[in-house]
Amino acid sequence: VRLTLVSTANDLKEAWISDHPYLAVCYLWQYAPTWAWWLMNR
């Protein structure tokens, strides 16, 4: 909730709010999708 409010107050178009390792997986899907598909399959 706090991070959502911070994102709202600063007009962020998009905010990923997560702890690792889930946040790291988001970056994989964004920048290295082939690795993300391999990891998600496992």
ModelCIF file with pLDDT and N, C-alpha, C, O atoms, coordinates in Angstrom:
data_MODEL
#
_entry.id   MODEL 
#
_entity.id                         1 
_entity.type                       polymer 
_entity.pdbx_number_of_molecules   1 
#
_entity_poly.entity_id                      1 
_entity_poly.type                           'polypeptide(L)' 
_entity_poly.nstd_linkage                   no 
_entity_poly.nstd_monomer                   no 
_entity_poly.pdbx_seq_one_letter_code       VRLTLVSTANDLKEAWISDHPYLAVCYLWQYAPTWAWWLMNR 
_entity_poly.pdbx_seq_one_letter_code_can   VRLTLVSTANDLKEAWISDHPYLAVCYLWQYAPTWAWWLMNR 
_entity_poly.pdbx_strand_id                 A 
#
loop_
_entity_poly_seq.entity_id 
_entity_poly_seq.num 
_entity_poly_seq.mon_id 
_entity_poly_seq.hetero 
1 1  VAL n 
1 2  ARG n 
1 3  LEU n 
1 4  THR n 
1 5  LEU n 
1 6  VAL n 
1 7  SER n 
1 8  THR n 
1 9  ALA n 
1 10 ASN n 
1 11 ASP n 
1 12 LEU n 
1 13 LYS n 
1 14 GLU n 
1 15 ALA n 
1 16 TRP n 
1 17 ILE n 
1 18 SER n 
1 19 ASP n 
1 20 HIS n 
1 21 PRO n 
1 22 TYR n 
1 23 LEU n 
1 24 ALA n 
1 25 VAL n 
1 26 CYS n 
1 27 TYR n 
1 28 LEU n 
1 29 TRP n 
1 30 GLN n 
1 31 TYR n 
1 32 ALA n 
1 33 PRO n 
1 34 THR n 
1 35 TRP n 
1 36 ALA n 
1 37 TRP n 
1 38 TRP n 
1 39 LEU n 
1 40 MET n 
1 41 ASN n 
1 42 ARG n 
#
_struct_asym.id          A 
_struct_asym.entity_id   1 
#
loop_
_ma_qa_metric.id 
_ma_qa_metric.mode 
_ma_qa_metric.name 
_ma_qa_metric.software_group_id 
_ma_qa_metric.type 
1 global pLDDT . pLDDT 
2 local  pLDDT . pLDDT 
#
_ma_qa_metric_global.metric_id      1 
_ma_qa_metric_global.metric_value   94.43 
_ma_qa_metric_global.model_id       1 
_ma_qa_metric_global.ordinal_id     1 
#
loop_
_ma_qa_metric_local.label_asym_id 
_ma_qa_metric_local.label_comp_id 
_ma_qa_metric_local.label_seq_id 
_ma_qa_metric_local.metric_id 
_ma_qa_metric_local.metric_value 
_ma_qa_metric_local.model_id 
_ma_qa_metric_local.ordinal_id 
A VAL 1  2 96.00 1 1  
A ARG 2  2 96.00 1 2  
A LEU 3  2 97.00 1 3  
A THR 4  2 97.00 1 4  
A LEU 5  2 96.00 1 5  
A VAL 6  2 97.00 1 6  
A SER 7  2 97.00 1 7  
A THR 8  2 97.00 1 8  
A ALA 9  2 97.00 1 9  
A ASN 10 2 97.00 1 10 
A ASP 11 2 97.00 1 11 
A LEU 12 2 97.00 1 12 
A LYS 13 2 98.00 1 13 
A GLU 14 2 98.00 1 14 
A ALA 15 2 97.00 1 15 
A TRP 16 2 97.00 1 16 
A ILE 17 2 97.00 1 17 
A SER 18 2 94.00 1 18 
A ASP 19 2 92.00 1 19 
A HIS 20 2 90.00 1 20 
A PRO 21 2 88.00 1 21 
A TYR 22 2 89.00 1 22 
A LEU 23 2 93.00 1 23 
A ALA 24 2 93.00 1 24 
A VAL 25 2 92.00 1 25 
A CYS 26 2 93.00 1 26 
A TYR 27 2 95.00 1 27 
A LEU 28 2 94.00 1 28 
A TRP 29 2 94.00 1 29 
A GLN 30 2 93.00 1 30 
A TYR 31 2 95.00 1 31 
A ALA 32 2 96.00 1 32 
A PRO 33 2 94.00 1 33 
A THR 34 2 95.00 1 34 
A TRP 35 2 94.00 1 35 
A ALA 36 2 93.00 1 36 
A TRP 37 2 93.00 1 37 
A TRP 38 2 93.00 1 38 
A LEU 39 2 92.00 1 39 
A MET 40 2 91.00 1 40 
A ASN 41 2 91.00 1 41 
A ARG 42 2 91.00 1 42 
#
loop_
_atom_site.group_PDB 
_atom_site.id 
_atom_site.type_symbol 
_atom_site.label_atom_id 
_atom_site.label_alt_id 
_atom_site.label_comp_id 
_atom_site.label_asym_id 
_atom_site.label_entity_id 
_atom_site.label_seq_id 
_atom_site.pdbx_PDB_ins_code 
_atom_site.Cartn_x 
_atom_site.Cartn_y 
_atom_site.Cartn_z 
_atom_site.occupancy 
_atom_site.B_iso_or_equiv 
_atom_site.pdbx_formal_charge 
_atom_site.auth_seq_id 
_atom_site.auth_comp_id 
_atom_site.auth_asym_id 
_atom_site.auth_atom_id 
_atom_site.pdbx_PDB_model_num 
ATOM 1   N N  . VAL A 1 1  ? 0.841  -1.211  0.000   1.00 96.00 ? 1  VAL A N  1 
ATOM 2   C CA . VAL A 1 1  ? 0.000  0.000   0.000   1.00 96.00 ? 1  VAL A CA 1 
ATOM 3   C C  . VAL A 1 1  ? 0.866  1.246   0.000   1.00 96.00 ? 1  VAL A C  1 
ATOM 4   O O  . VAL A 1 1  ? 0.593  2.190   -0.741  1.00 96.00 ? 1  VAL A O  1 
ATOM 5   N N  . ARG A 1 2  ? 1.904  1.261   0.820   1.00 96.00 ? 2  ARG A N  1 
ATOM 6   C CA . ARG A 1 2  ? 2.771  2.436   0.900   1.00 96.00 ? 2  ARG A CA 1 
ATOM 7   C C  . ARG A 1 2  ? 3.438  2.708   -0.451  1.00 96.00 ? 2  ARG A C  1 
ATOM 8   O O  . ARG A 1 2  ? 3.475  3.852   -0.905  1.00 96.00 ? 2  ARG A O  1 
ATOM 9   N N  . LEU A 1 3  ? 3.963  1.667   -1.091  1.00 97.00 ? 3  LEU A N  1 
ATOM 10  C CA . LEU A 1 3  ? 4.621  1.855   -2.374  1.00 97.00 ? 3  LEU A CA 1 
ATOM 11  C C  . LEU A 1 3  ? 3.626  2.259   -3.459  1.00 97.00 ? 3  LEU A C  1 
ATOM 12  O O  . LEU A 1 3  ? 3.977  2.991   -4.384  1.00 97.00 ? 3  LEU A O  1 
ATOM 13  N N  . THR A 1 4  ? 2.390  1.785   -3.348  1.00 97.00 ? 4  THR A N  1 
ATOM 14  C CA . THR A 1 4  ? 1.344  2.216   -4.281  1.00 97.00 ? 4  THR A CA 1 
ATOM 15  C C  . THR A 1 4  ? 1.058  3.702   -4.113  1.00 97.00 ? 4  THR A C  1 
ATOM 16  O O  . THR A 1 4  ? 0.902  4.420   -5.101  1.00 97.00 ? 4  THR A O  1 
ATOM 17  N N  . LEU A 1 5  ? 0.988  4.168   -2.868  1.00 96.00 ? 5  LEU A N  1 
ATOM 18  C CA . LEU A 1 5  ? 0.740  5.583   -2.606  1.00 96.00 ? 5  LEU A CA 1 
ATOM 19  C C  . LEU A 1 5  ? 1.900  6.450   -3.092  1.00 96.00 ? 5  LEU A C  1 
ATOM 20  O O  . LEU A 1 5  ? 1.679  7.525   -3.651  1.00 96.00 ? 5  LEU A O  1 
ATOM 21  N N  . VAL A 1 6  ? 3.127  5.991   -2.883  1.00 97.00 ? 6  VAL A N  1 
ATOM 22  C CA . VAL A 1 6  ? 4.301  6.721   -3.379  1.00 97.00 ? 6  VAL A CA 1 
ATOM 23  C C  . VAL A 1 6  ? 4.255  6.821   -4.907  1.00 97.00 ? 6  VAL A C  1 
ATOM 24  O O  . VAL A 1 6  ? 4.526  7.880   -5.473  1.00 97.00 ? 6  VAL A O  1 
ATOM 25  N N  . SER A 1 7  ? 3.912  5.720   -5.565  1.00 97.00 ? 7  SER A N  1 
ATOM 26  C CA . SER A 1 7  ? 3.811  5.710   -7.029  1.00 97.00 ? 7  SER A CA 1 
ATOM 27  C C  . SER A 1 7  ? 2.723  6.661   -7.512  1.00 97.00 ? 7  SER A C  1 
ATOM 28  O O  . SER A 1 7  ? 2.893  7.357   -8.513  1.00 97.00 ? 7  SER A O  1 
ATOM 29  N N  . THR A 1 8  ? 1.599  6.685   -6.788  1.00 97.00 ? 8  THR A N  1 
ATOM 30  C CA . THR A 1 8  ? 0.483  7.561   -7.154  1.00 97.00 ? 8  THR A CA 1 
ATOM 31  C C  . THR A 1 8  ? 0.851  9.028   -6.971  1.00 97.00 ? 8  THR A C  1 
ATOM 32  O O  . THR A 1 8  ? 0.565  9.860   -7.832  1.00 97.00 ? 8  THR A O  1 
ATOM 33  N N  . ALA A 1 9  ? 1.488  9.339   -5.841  1.00 97.00 ? 9  ALA A N  1 
ATOM 34  C CA . ALA A 1 9  ? 1.859  10.729  -5.567  1.00 97.00 ? 9  ALA A CA 1 
ATOM 35  C C  . ALA A 1 9  ? 2.842  11.258  -6.595  1.00 97.00 ? 9  ALA A C  1 
ATOM 36  O O  . ALA A 1 9  ? 2.856  12.455  -6.883  1.00 97.00 ? 9  ALA A O  1 
ATOM 37  N N  . ASN A 1 10 ? 3.668  10.375  -7.154  1.00 97.00 ? 10 ASN A N  1 
ATOM 38  C CA . ASN A 1 10 ? 4.689  10.792  -8.117  1.00 97.00 ? 10 ASN A CA 1 
ATOM 39  C C  . ASN A 1 10 ? 4.285  10.538  -9.566  1.00 97.00 ? 10 ASN A C  1 
ATOM 40  O O  . ASN A 1 10 ? 5.109  10.659  -10.472 1.00 97.00 ? 10 ASN A O  1 
ATOM 41  N N  . ASP A 1 11 ? 3.019  10.187  -9.788  1.00 97.00 ? 11 ASP A N  1 
ATOM 42  C CA . ASP A 1 11 ? 2.473  10.008  -11.139 1.00 97.00 ? 11 ASP A CA 1 
ATOM 43  C C  . ASP A 1 11 ? 3.290  9.039   -11.994 1.00 97.00 ? 11 ASP A C  1 
ATOM 44  O O  . ASP A 1 11 ? 3.511  9.288   -13.179 1.00 97.00 ? 11 ASP A O  1 
ATOM 45  N N  . LEU A 1 12 ? 3.734  7.941   -11.396 1.00 97.00 ? 12 LEU A N  1 
ATOM 46  C CA . LEU A 1 12 ? 4.434  6.926   -12.179 1.00 97.00 ? 12 LEU A CA 1 
ATOM 47  C C  . LEU A 1 12 ? 3.450  6.235   -13.113 1.00 97.00 ? 12 LEU A C  1 
ATOM 48  O O  . LEU A 1 12 ? 2.371  5.821   -12.688 1.00 97.00 ? 12 LEU A O  1 
ATOM 49  N N  . LYS A 1 13 ? 3.814  6.111   -14.362 1.00 98.00 ? 13 LYS A N  1 
ATOM 50  C CA . LYS A 1 13 ? 2.919  5.459   -15.315 1.00 98.00 ? 13 LYS A CA 1 
ATOM 51  C C  . LYS A 1 13 ? 2.756  3.977   -14.994 1.00 98.00 ? 13 LYS A C  1 
ATOM 52  O O  . LYS A 1 13 ? 1.677  3.412   -15.171 1.00 98.00 ? 13 LYS A O  1 
ATOM 53  N N  . GLU A 1 14 ? 3.850  3.341   -14.513 1.00 98.00 ? 14 GLU A N  1 
ATOM 54  C CA . GLU A 1 14 ? 3.785  1.930   -14.181 1.00 98.00 ? 14 GLU A CA 1 
ATOM 55  C C  . GLU A 1 14 ? 4.777  1.640   -13.062 1.00 98.00 ? 14 GLU A C  1 
ATOM 56  O O  . GLU A 1 14 ? 5.910  2.119   -13.085 1.00 98.00 ? 14 GLU A O  1 
ATOM 57  N N  . ALA A 1 15 ? 4.345  0.856   -12.090 1.00 97.00 ? 15 ALA A N  1 
ATOM 58  C CA . ALA A 1 15 ? 5.217  0.498   -10.965 1.00 97.00 ? 15 ALA A CA 1 
ATOM 59  C C  . ALA A 1 15 ? 5.137  -0.994  -10.719 1.00 97.00 ? 15 ALA A C  1 
ATOM 60  O O  . ALA A 1 15 ? 4.050  -1.553  -10.574 1.00 97.00 ? 15 ALA A O  1 
ATOM 61  N N  . TRP A 1 16 ? 6.298  -1.639  -10.674 1.00 97.00 ? 16 TRP A N  1 
ATOM 62  C CA . TRP A 1 16 ? 6.369  -3.056  -10.299 1.00 97.00 ? 16 TRP A CA 1 
ATOM 63  C C  . TRP A 1 16 ? 6.672  -3.107  -8.816  1.00 97.00 ? 16 TRP A C  1 
ATOM 64  O O  . TRP A 1 16 ? 7.728  -2.646  -8.383  1.00 97.00 ? 16 TRP A O  1 
ATOM 65  N N  . ILE A 1 17 ? 5.773  -3.654  -8.043  1.00 97.00 ? 17 ILE A N  1 
ATOM 66  C CA . ILE A 1 17 ? 5.928  -3.693  -6.586  1.00 97.00 ? 17 ILE A CA 1 
ATOM 67  C C  . ILE A 1 17 ? 6.047  -5.142  -6.155  1.00 97.00 ? 17 ILE A C  1 
ATOM 68  O O  . ILE A 1 17 ? 5.051  -5.859  -6.055  1.00 97.00 ? 17 ILE A O  1 
ATOM 69  N N  . SER A 1 18 ? 7.268  -5.562  -5.904  1.00 94.00 ? 18 SER A N  1 
ATOM 70  C CA . SER A 1 18 ? 7.489  -6.963  -5.587  1.00 94.00 ? 18 SER A CA 1 
ATOM 71  C C  . SER A 1 18 ? 8.846  -7.139  -4.933  1.00 94.00 ? 18 SER A C  1 
ATOM 72  O O  . SER A 1 18 ? 9.759  -6.340  -5.139  1.00 94.00 ? 18 SER A O  1 
ATOM 73  N N  . ASP A 1 19 ? 8.964  -8.190  -4.148  1.00 92.00 ? 19 ASP A N  1 
ATOM 74  C CA . ASP A 1 19 ? 10.255 -8.599  -3.612  1.00 92.00 ? 19 ASP A CA 1 
ATOM 75  C C  . ASP A 1 19 ? 10.941 -9.534  -4.602  1.00 92.00 ? 19 ASP A C  1 
ATOM 76  O O  . ASP A 1 19 ? 10.306 -10.073 -5.508  1.00 92.00 ? 19 ASP A O  1 
ATOM 77  N N  . HIS A 1 20 ? 12.239 -9.718  -4.418  1.00 90.00 ? 20 HIS A N  1 
ATOM 78  C CA . HIS A 1 20 ? 12.954 -10.736 -5.178  1.00 90.00 ? 20 HIS A CA 1 
ATOM 79  C C  . HIS A 1 20 ? 12.616 -12.119 -4.594  1.00 90.00 ? 20 HIS A C  1 
ATOM 80  O O  . HIS A 1 20 ? 12.381 -12.224 -3.390  1.00 90.00 ? 20 HIS A O  1 
ATOM 81  N N  . PRO A 1 21 ? 12.585 -13.174 -5.412  1.00 88.00 ? 21 PRO A N  1 
ATOM 82  C CA . PRO A 1 21 ? 13.068 -13.213 -6.794  1.00 88.00 ? 21 PRO A CA 1 
ATOM 83  C C  . PRO A 1 21 ? 12.023 -12.821 -7.832  1.00 88.00 ? 21 PRO A C  1 
ATOM 84  O O  . PRO A 1 21 ? 12.319 -12.801 -9.026  1.00 88.00 ? 21 PRO A O  1 
ATOM 85  N N  . TYR A 1 22 ? 10.798 -12.508 -7.391  1.00 89.00 ? 22 TYR A N  1 
ATOM 86  C CA . TYR A 1 22 ? 9.729  -12.217 -8.350  1.00 89.00 ? 22 TYR A CA 1 
ATOM 87  C C  . TYR A 1 22 ? 10.034 -10.967 -9.177  1.00 89.00 ? 22 TYR A C  1 
ATOM 88  O O  . TYR A 1 22 ? 9.739  -10.922 -10.371 1.00 89.00 ? 22 TYR A O  1 
ATOM 89  N N  . LEU A 1 23 ? 10.624 -9.958  -8.540  1.00 93.00 ? 23 LEU A N  1 
ATOM 90  C CA . LEU A 1 23 ? 10.957 -8.738  -9.266  1.00 93.00 ? 23 LEU A CA 1 
ATOM 91  C C  . LEU A 1 23 ? 12.014 -9.008  -10.329 1.00 93.00 ? 23 LEU A C  1 
ATOM 92  O O  . LEU A 1 23 ? 11.944 -8.460  -11.430 1.00 93.00 ? 23 LEU A O  1 
ATOM 93  N N  . ALA A 1 24 ? 12.992 -9.850  -10.004 1.00 93.00 ? 24 ALA A N  1 
ATOM 94  C CA . ALA A 1 24 ? 14.028 -10.198 -10.984 1.00 93.00 ? 24 ALA A CA 1 
ATOM 95  C C  . ALA A 1 24 ? 13.419 -10.892 -12.201 1.00 93.00 ? 24 ALA A C  1 
ATOM 96  O O  . ALA A 1 24 ? 13.862 -10.686 -13.330 1.00 93.00 ? 24 ALA A O  1 
ATOM 97  N N  . VAL A 1 25 ? 12.395 -11.720 -11.959 1.00 92.00 ? 25 VAL A N  1 
ATOM 98  C CA . VAL A 1 25 ? 11.735 -12.413 -13.066 1.00 92.00 ? 25 VAL A CA 1 
ATOM 99  C C  . VAL A 1 25 ? 11.030 -11.406 -13.980 1.00 92.00 ? 25 VAL A C  1 
ATOM 100 O O  . VAL A 1 25 ? 10.991 -11.591 -15.196 1.00 92.00 ? 25 VAL A O  1 
ATOM 101 N N  . CYS A 1 26 ? 10.474 -10.343 -13.394 1.00 93.00 ? 26 CYS A N  1 
ATOM 102 C CA . CYS A 1 26 ? 9.846  -9.284  -14.205 1.00 93.00 ? 26 CYS A CA 1 
ATOM 103 C C  . CYS A 1 26 ? 10.854 -8.688  -15.177 1.00 93.00 ? 26 CYS A C  1 
ATOM 104 O O  . CYS A 1 26 ? 10.547 -8.481  -16.351 1.00 93.00 ? 26 CYS A O  1 
ATOM 105 N N  . TYR A 1 27 ? 12.057 -8.414  -14.683 1.00 95.00 ? 27 TYR A N  1 
ATOM 106 C CA . TYR A 1 27 ? 13.093 -7.841  -15.545 1.00 95.00 ? 27 TYR A CA 1 
ATOM 107 C C  . TYR A 1 27 ? 13.508 -8.826  -16.629 1.00 95.00 ? 27 TYR A C  1 
ATOM 108 O O  . TYR A 1 27 ? 13.794 -8.426  -17.758 1.00 95.00 ? 27 TYR A O  1 
ATOM 109 N N  . LEU A 1 28 ? 13.542 -10.116 -16.289 1.00 94.00 ? 28 LEU A N  1 
ATOM 110 C CA . LEU A 1 28 ? 13.845 -11.114 -17.309 1.00 94.00 ? 28 LEU A CA 1 
ATOM 111 C C  . LEU A 1 28 ? 12.801 -11.108 -18.414 1.00 94.00 ? 28 LEU A C  1 
ATOM 112 O O  . LEU A 1 28 ? 13.145 -11.136 -19.596 1.00 94.00 ? 28 LEU A O  1 
ATOM 113 N N  . TRP A 1 29 ? 11.521 -11.070 -18.036 1.00 94.00 ? 29 TRP A N  1 
ATOM 114 C CA . TRP A 1 29 ? 10.453 -11.044 -19.039 1.00 94.00 ? 29 TRP A CA 1 
ATOM 115 C C  . TRP A 1 29 ? 10.553 -9.806  -19.921 1.00 94.00 ? 29 TRP A C  1 
ATOM 116 O O  . TRP A 1 29 ? 10.216 -9.855  -21.104 1.00 94.00 ? 29 TRP A O  1 
ATOM 117 N N  . GLN A 1 30 ? 11.016 -8.696  -19.352 1.00 93.00 ? 30 GLN A N  1 
ATOM 118 C CA . GLN A 1 30 ? 11.099 -7.448  -20.097 1.00 93.00 ? 30 GLN A CA 1 
ATOM 119 C C  . GLN A 1 30 ? 12.303 -7.424  -21.032 1.00 93.00 ? 30 GLN A C  1 
ATOM 120 O O  . GLN A 1 30 ? 12.194 -6.993  -22.180 1.00 93.00 ? 30 GLN A O  1 
ATOM 121 N N  . TYR A 1 31 ? 13.452 -7.889  -20.539 1.00 95.00 ? 31 TYR A N  1 
ATOM 122 C CA . TYR A 1 31 ? 14.704 -7.692  -21.268 1.00 95.00 ? 31 TYR A CA 1 
ATOM 123 C C  . TYR A 1 31 ? 15.334 -8.970  -21.807 1.00 95.00 ? 31 TYR A C  1 
ATOM 124 O O  . TYR A 1 31 ? 16.170 -8.904  -22.708 1.00 95.00 ? 31 TYR A O  1 
ATOM 125 N N  . ALA A 1 32 ? 14.956 -10.125 -21.281 1.00 96.00 ? 32 ALA A N  1 
ATOM 126 C CA . ALA A 1 32 ? 15.521 -11.393 -21.749 1.00 96.00 ? 32 ALA A CA 1 
ATOM 127 C C  . ALA A 1 32 ? 14.426 -12.452 -21.777 1.00 96.00 ? 32 ALA A C  1 
ATOM 128 O O  . ALA A 1 32 ? 14.486 -13.423 -21.022 1.00 96.00 ? 32 ALA A O  1 
ATOM 129 N N  . PRO A 1 33 ? 13.425 -12.278 -22.642 1.00 94.00 ? 33 PRO A N  1 
ATOM 130 C CA . PRO A 1 33 ? 12.257 -13.160 -22.602 1.00 94.00 ? 33 PRO A CA 1 
ATOM 131 C C  . PRO A 1 33 ? 12.578 -14.633 -22.854 1.00 94.00 ? 33 PRO A C  1 
ATOM 132 O O  . PRO A 1 33 ? 11.906 -15.507 -22.306 1.00 94.00 ? 33 PRO A O  1 
ATOM 133 N N  . THR A 1 34 ? 13.583 -14.923 -23.665 1.00 95.00 ? 34 THR A N  1 
ATOM 134 C CA . THR A 1 34 ? 13.927 -16.322 -23.909 1.00 95.00 ? 34 THR A CA 1 
ATOM 135 C C  . THR A 1 34 ? 14.354 -17.011 -22.609 1.00 95.00 ? 34 THR A C  1 
ATOM 136 O O  . THR A 1 34 ? 13.946 -18.140 -22.336 1.00 95.00 ? 34 THR A O  1 
ATOM 137 N N  . TRP A 1 35 ? 15.175 -16.328 -21.814 1.00 94.00 ? 35 TRP A N  1 
ATOM 138 C CA . TRP A 1 35 ? 15.566 -16.853 -20.509 1.00 94.00 ? 35 TRP A CA 1 
ATOM 139 C C  . TRP A 1 35 ? 14.352 -16.956 -19.585 1.00 94.00 ? 35 TRP A C  1 
ATOM 140 O O  . TRP A 1 35 ? 14.238 -17.902 -18.806 1.00 94.00 ? 35 TRP A O  1 
ATOM 141 N N  . ALA A 1 36 ? 13.454 -15.986 -19.676 1.00 93.00 ? 36 ALA A N  1 
ATOM 142 C CA . ALA A 1 36 ? 12.260 -15.998 -18.822 1.00 93.00 ? 36 ALA A CA 1 
ATOM 143 C C  . ALA A 1 36 ? 11.378 -17.191 -19.142 1.00 93.00 ? 36 ALA A C  1 
ATOM 144 O O  . ALA A 1 36 ? 10.851 -17.836 -18.235 1.00 93.00 ? 36 ALA A O  1 
ATOM 145 N N  . TRP A 1 37 ? 11.212 -17.491 -20.431 1.00 93.00 ? 37 TRP A N  1 
ATOM 146 C CA . TRP A 1 37 ? 10.400 -18.654 -20.805 1.00 93.00 ? 37 TRP A CA 1 
ATOM 147 C C  . TRP A 1 37 ? 11.032 -19.939 -20.284 1.00 93.00 ? 37 TRP A C  1 
ATOM 148 O O  . TRP A 1 37 ? 10.335 -20.814 -19.771 1.00 93.00 ? 37 TRP A O  1 
ATOM 149 N N  . TRP A 1 38 ? 12.353 -20.053 -20.414 1.00 93.00 ? 38 TRP A N  1 
ATOM 150 C CA . TRP A 1 38 ? 13.055 -21.242 -19.925 1.00 93.00 ? 38 TRP A CA 1 
ATOM 151 C C  . TRP A 1 38 ? 12.862 -21.396 -18.420 1.00 93.00 ? 38 TRP A C  1 
ATOM 152 O O  . TRP A 1 38 ? 12.570 -22.487 -17.930 1.00 93.00 ? 38 TRP A O  1 
ATOM 153 N N  . LEU A 1 39 ? 13.030 -20.284 -17.688 1.00 92.00 ? 39 LEU A N  1 
ATOM 154 C CA . LEU A 1 39 ? 12.894 -20.329 -16.237 1.00 92.00 ? 39 LEU A CA 1 
ATOM 155 C C  . LEU A 1 39 ? 11.464 -20.645 -15.826 1.00 92.00 ? 39 LEU A C  1 
ATOM 156 O O  . LEU A 1 39 ? 11.242 -21.450 -14.921 1.00 92.00 ? 39 LEU A O  1 
ATOM 157 N N  . MET A 1 40 ? 10.490 -20.016 -16.485 1.00 91.00 ? 40 MET A N  1 
ATOM 158 C CA . MET A 1 40 ? 9.095  -20.231 -16.126 1.00 91.00 ? 40 MET A CA 1 
ATOM 159 C C  . MET A 1 40 ? 8.658  -21.661 -16.422 1.00 91.00 ? 40 MET A C  1 
ATOM 160 O O  . MET A 1 40 ? 7.830  -22.219 -15.702 1.00 91.00 ? 40 MET A O  1 
ATOM 161 N N  . ASN A 1 41 ? 9.210  -22.254 -17.477 1.00 91.00 ? 41 ASN A N  1 
ATOM 162 C CA . ASN A 1 41 ? 8.897  -23.651 -17.767 1.00 91.00 ? 41 ASN A CA 1 
ATOM 163 C C  . ASN A 1 41 ? 9.368  -24.564 -16.647 1.00 91.00 ? 41 ASN A C  1 
ATOM 164 O O  . ASN A 1 41 ? 8.667  -25.502 -16.268 1.00 91.00 ? 41 ASN A O  1 
ATOM 165 N N  . ARG A 1 42 ? 10.556 -24.290 -16.116 1.00 91.00 ? 42 ARG A N  1 
ATOM 166 C CA . ARG A 1 42 ? 11.085 -25.105 -15.025 1.00 91.00 ? 42 ARG A CA 1 
ATOM 167 C C  . ARG A 1 42 ? 10.287 -24.876 -13.731 1.00 91.00 ? 42 ARG A C  1 
ATOM 168 O O  . ARG A 1 42 ? 10.592 -25.481 -12.703 1.00 91.00 ? 42 ARG A O  1 
#
